[in-house]
Amino acid sequence: MAKDLLIDSNSSINIANMNFLLIDSSTDIILLFIKTKNKTFSKVLQSHKFNSDLLMKHILDFFKSNNLNFSSISKIFVNQGPGNFSGLRGSLAVAKGISIAKNLKLLGYNSFLLSIANFYNKKDFIFSLIKYKEKYFIKKFDRNLKSLSDFKIISEDTIIKEYESKFMVTPKYGIKKINKKILNLRNLTIVDPDLNMLEFLELKGLLDKDLIKPLYLS
């Protein structure tokens, strides 16, 4: 099996100054994450148990339990997907509401992009692979992490036969769902996505900030 690859963030970026709230409902859980004054706080919720109203309540409780308030942060990152329709729609609505009410910068990212963030300027072409439910999805990027294609559905056989020589990346949290034959491909790198890289992606102009839409997969 391919080994995990952990790469230090770009040393020119002062991630210690990041102050943000992250909302991620792209998987079977909802992740709430706060970084402020070089301290981090996280909370995990079961996504099937919460609608948008309860999500807002849990965010408020999350801040209160850690003696924080919205003045402790300067921006909100929200995962646009891929993921469940209702979960993504609800978390994006909550993020937009907080952004407007508290005058905080709102930025959207997707799991394809975050998974390859550590490979900026390292490979000519990068293929980000994600399995969602029973389907594989792949998206192509250039060395500057600019998107070169829309995501598309791809079969296991195609991955093994046609992508065996291409540099592919997949997030660690999803590998239990991936066929072992694919995991054994030498060109597949398994990564643990680094939330600190979101500011790097923002500085490179790779995050959505104007028209932030959920990324739904059929």
Protein backbone atom coordinates (compact mmCIF):
# COMPACT_ATOMS: atom_id res chain seq x y z
CA MET A 1 0.00 0.00 0.00
CA ALA A 2 1.19 3.50 -0.74
CA LYS A 3 2.61 5.24 2.28
CA ASP A 4 1.25 8.47 3.77
CA LEU A 5 3.08 11.56 2.60
CA LEU A 6 3.26 14.51 4.94
CA ILE A 7 4.91 17.66 3.64
CA ASP A 8 5.62 20.76 5.70
CA SER A 9 3.69 23.86 4.72
CA ASN A 10 5.42 26.56 2.69
CA SER A 11 7.83 28.14 5.19
CA SER A 12 7.22 31.64 3.79
CA ILE A 13 3.64 31.59 5.09
CA ASN A 14 3.06 32.61 8.68
CA ILE A 15 0.31 30.19 9.59
CA ALA A 16 0.59 31.19 13.25
CA ASN A 17 -1.42 34.33 12.42
CA MET A 18 -4.37 32.43 11.04
CA ASN A 19 -7.62 33.05 12.92
CA PHE A 20 -10.54 31.20 11.42
CA LEU A 21 -13.60 29.00 11.78
CA LEU A 22 -13.87 25.99 9.48
CA ILE A 23 -17.10 24.16 8.71
CA ASP A 24 -16.83 20.85 6.87
CA SER A 25 -19.89 18.69 6.23
CA SER A 26 -18.50 16.86 3.21
CA THR A 27 -18.22 13.44 4.89
CA ASP A 28 -20.35 11.36 7.27
CA ILE A 29 -19.50 13.80 10.06
CA ILE A 30 -19.55 17.55 10.47
CA LEU A 31 -16.20 18.99 11.50
CA LEU A 32 -16.02 22.33 13.30
CA PHE A 33 -12.51 23.69 13.69
CA ILE A 34 -11.26 26.98 15.11
CA LYS A 35 -7.73 28.34 15.05
CA THR A 36 -7.00 31.51 16.96
CA LYS A 37 -3.89 32.89 18.66
CA ASN A 38 -2.01 29.76 17.54
CA LYS A 39 -4.44 27.52 19.45
CA THR A 40 -6.79 25.03 17.82
CA PHE A 41 -10.16 23.69 18.87
CA SER A 42 -12.25 21.03 17.13
CA LYS A 43 -15.64 19.41 17.47
CA VAL A 44 -17.19 16.52 15.54
CA LEU A 45 -20.94 16.08 15.00
CA GLN A 46 -22.86 13.24 13.38
CA SER A 47 -24.16 14.86 10.20
CA HIS A 48 -27.37 12.85 9.91
CA LYS A 49 -28.63 14.20 13.25
CA PHE A 50 -28.41 17.92 12.55
CA ASN A 51 -30.19 20.41 10.32
CA SER A 52 -29.05 23.99 9.71
CA ASP A 53 -30.72 25.40 12.81
CA LEU A 54 -29.04 22.87 15.09
CA LEU A 55 -25.72 23.38 13.34
CA MET A 56 -25.82 27.08 14.19
CA LYS A 57 -26.61 26.25 17.81
CA HIS A 58 -23.68 23.85 18.01
CA ILE A 59 -21.34 26.44 16.53
CA LEU A 60 -22.42 28.97 19.17
CA ASP A 61 -21.99 26.35 21.92
CA PHE A 62 -18.58 25.44 20.47
CA PHE A 63 -17.38 29.02 20.78
CA LYS A 64 -18.86 29.42 24.26
CA SER A 65 -17.38 26.17 25.63
CA ASN A 66 -13.90 27.34 24.59
CA ASN A 67 -14.35 30.90 25.90
CA LEU A 68 -14.24 32.33 22.39
CA ASN A 69 -16.40 34.68 20.38
CA PHE A 70 -16.59 35.72 16.74
CA SER A 71 -14.17 38.58 17.33
CA SER A 72 -11.54 35.85 17.86
CA ILE A 73 -11.59 35.04 14.14
CA SER A 74 -11.24 36.99 10.91
CA LYS A 75 -12.53 34.53 8.33
CA ILE A 76 -14.60 31.43 7.71
CA PHE A 77 -13.60 28.51 5.51
CA VAL A 78 -16.40 26.24 4.30
CA ASN A 79 -15.96 22.97 2.44
CA GLN A 80 -17.97 23.05 -0.80
CA GLY A 81 -17.73 19.30 -1.30
CA PRO A 82 -17.96 16.82 -2.77
CA GLY A 83 -20.57 15.53 -0.40
CA ASN A 84 -24.20 15.17 0.58
CA PHE A 85 -26.65 17.66 -0.96
CA SER A 86 -28.47 18.69 2.21
CA GLY A 87 -25.33 18.76 4.36
CA LEU A 88 -23.38 20.98 1.98
CA ARG A 89 -26.32 23.28 1.37
CA GLY A 90 -26.98 23.65 5.11
CA SER A 91 -23.38 24.30 6.12
CA LEU A 92 -22.91 26.83 3.33
CA ALA A 93 -26.08 28.67 4.36
CA VAL A 94 -24.88 28.81 7.97
CA ALA A 95 -21.41 30.00 6.92
CA LYS A 96 -22.89 32.74 4.74
CA GLY A 97 -25.19 33.83 7.55
CA ILE A 98 -22.34 34.14 10.04
CA SER A 99 -20.19 35.93 7.47
CA ILE A 100 -22.84 38.58 6.83
CA ALA A 101 -23.91 38.98 10.47
CA LYS A 102 -20.38 39.24 11.86
CA ASN A 103 -18.71 40.88 8.84
CA LEU A 104 -16.24 38.02 8.40
CA LYS A 105 -14.50 37.01 5.20
CA LEU A 106 -15.99 33.85 3.70
CA LEU A 107 -13.93 31.48 1.55
CA GLY A 108 -14.91 28.23 -0.09
CA TYR A 109 -12.67 25.25 -0.84
CA ASN A 110 -13.22 21.71 -2.06
CA SER A 111 -11.72 18.41 -0.99
CA PHE A 112 -10.09 17.79 -4.39
CA LEU A 113 -8.02 20.95 -4.02
CA LEU A 114 -7.18 20.65 -0.32
CA SER A 115 -5.91 17.10 -0.87
CA ILE A 116 -3.23 18.29 -3.31
CA ALA A 117 -2.30 21.57 -1.58
CA ASN A 118 1.16 20.36 -0.53
CA PHE A 119 2.15 19.62 -4.12
CA TYR A 120 2.20 23.20 -5.36
CA ASN A 121 4.89 23.56 -8.04
CA LYS A 122 6.05 19.96 -7.53
CA LYS A 123 4.37 18.01 -10.35
CA ASP A 124 3.39 19.09 -13.87
CA PHE A 125 0.00 17.41 -13.58
CA ILE A 126 -1.85 16.15 -10.52
CA PHE A 127 -4.96 13.99 -10.44
CA SER A 128 -7.04 14.26 -7.27
CA LEU A 129 -9.03 11.07 -6.64
CA ILE A 130 -11.98 10.82 -4.25
CA LYS A 131 -14.41 7.98 -3.67
CA TYR A 132 -17.87 9.17 -2.66
CA LYS A 133 -20.45 6.51 -1.82
CA GLU A 134 -19.90 3.84 -4.48
CA LYS A 135 -18.31 5.98 -7.19
CA TYR A 136 -14.81 7.25 -7.92
CA PHE A 137 -14.34 10.87 -9.00
CA ILE A 138 -11.19 12.39 -10.44
CA LYS A 139 -10.10 15.95 -11.20
CA LYS A 140 -6.99 17.20 -13.00
CA PHE A 141 -4.80 20.13 -11.88
CA ASP A 142 -1.60 21.75 -13.16
CA ARG A 143 1.59 22.38 -11.16
CA ASN A 144 0.13 25.66 -9.81
CA LEU A 145 -2.96 23.79 -8.60
CA LYS A 146 -5.14 25.43 -11.24
CA SER A 147 -8.03 23.26 -12.34
CA LEU A 148 -7.62 21.76 -15.80
CA SER A 149 -10.89 19.84 -15.91
CA ASP A 150 -14.24 19.36 -14.27
CA PHE A 151 -14.46 16.35 -12.00
CA LYS A 152 -15.68 13.17 -13.69
CA ILE A 153 -16.80 9.69 -12.71
CA ILE A 154 -14.19 7.04 -13.36
CA SER A 155 -14.28 3.25 -13.05
CA GLU A 156 -11.86 1.11 -11.06
CA ASP A 157 -10.63 -0.58 -14.23
CA THR A 158 -9.91 2.77 -15.89
CA ILE A 159 -7.98 3.99 -12.85
CA ILE A 160 -5.83 0.87 -12.85
CA LYS A 161 -5.27 0.65 -16.61
CA GLU A 162 -5.15 4.27 -17.78
CA TYR A 163 -3.88 6.17 -14.74
CA GLU A 164 -1.16 3.82 -13.52
CA SER A 165 1.57 6.20 -14.75
CA LYS A 166 -0.11 9.44 -13.70
CA PHE A 167 0.50 11.16 -10.36
CA MET A 168 -2.62 10.67 -8.24
CA VAL A 169 -3.47 11.84 -4.74
CA THR A 170 -6.26 10.67 -2.46
CA PRO A 171 -7.16 11.73 1.11
CA LYS A 172 -6.39 9.36 3.96
CA TYR A 173 -9.86 9.55 5.49
CA GLY A 174 -11.41 7.80 2.46
CA ILE A 175 -9.01 4.93 1.86
CA LYS A 176 -11.16 2.31 3.63
CA LYS A 177 -13.63 2.61 0.76
CA ILE A 178 -11.04 2.29 -2.01
CA ASN A 179 -10.21 -0.98 -3.76
CA LYS A 180 -6.90 -2.46 -2.58
CA LYS A 181 -5.69 -2.83 -6.16
CA ILE A 182 -5.90 0.95 -6.51
CA LEU A 183 -4.25 1.54 -3.14
CA ASN A 184 -1.35 -0.62 -4.27
CA LEU A 185 -0.63 1.52 -7.32
CA ARG A 186 2.86 3.01 -6.99
CA ASN A 187 1.75 6.34 -8.44
CA LEU A 188 -0.97 6.86 -5.82
CA THR A 189 -0.05 9.04 -2.85
CA ILE A 190 -2.20 9.04 0.29
CA VAL A 191 -2.29 12.34 2.17
CA ASP A 192 -3.68 13.67 5.40
CA PRO A 193 -5.13 17.04 4.26
CA ASP A 194 -3.59 19.96 6.16
CA LEU A 195 -6.10 22.65 7.17
CA ASN A 196 -3.26 25.12 7.65
CA MET A 197 -2.76 25.05 3.88
CA LEU A 198 -6.05 26.87 3.37
CA GLU A 199 -4.36 30.23 3.86
CA PHE A 200 -1.74 29.24 1.28
CA LEU A 201 -4.52 28.40 -1.17
CA GLU A 202 -6.17 31.72 -0.39
CA LEU A 203 -2.96 33.67 -1.02
CA LYS A 204 -2.57 31.91 -4.36
CA GLY A 205 -6.09 32.95 -5.34
CA LEU A 206 -7.33 29.37 -5.54
CA LEU A 207 -10.32 29.61 -3.19
CA ASP A 208 -13.83 30.78 -4.04
CA LYS A 209 -14.76 34.07 -2.44
CA ASP A 210 -17.53 35.60 -4.53
CA LEU A 211 -19.92 32.96 -5.82
CA ILE A 212 -19.51 30.07 -3.39
CA LYS A 213 -21.55 27.05 -4.47
CA PRO A 214 -21.72 23.49 -3.14
CA LEU A 215 -20.06 20.79 -5.21
CA TYR A 216 -22.60 18.01 -5.61
CA LEU A 217 -21.74 14.59 -6.98
CA SER A 218 -24.39 12.46 -8.64
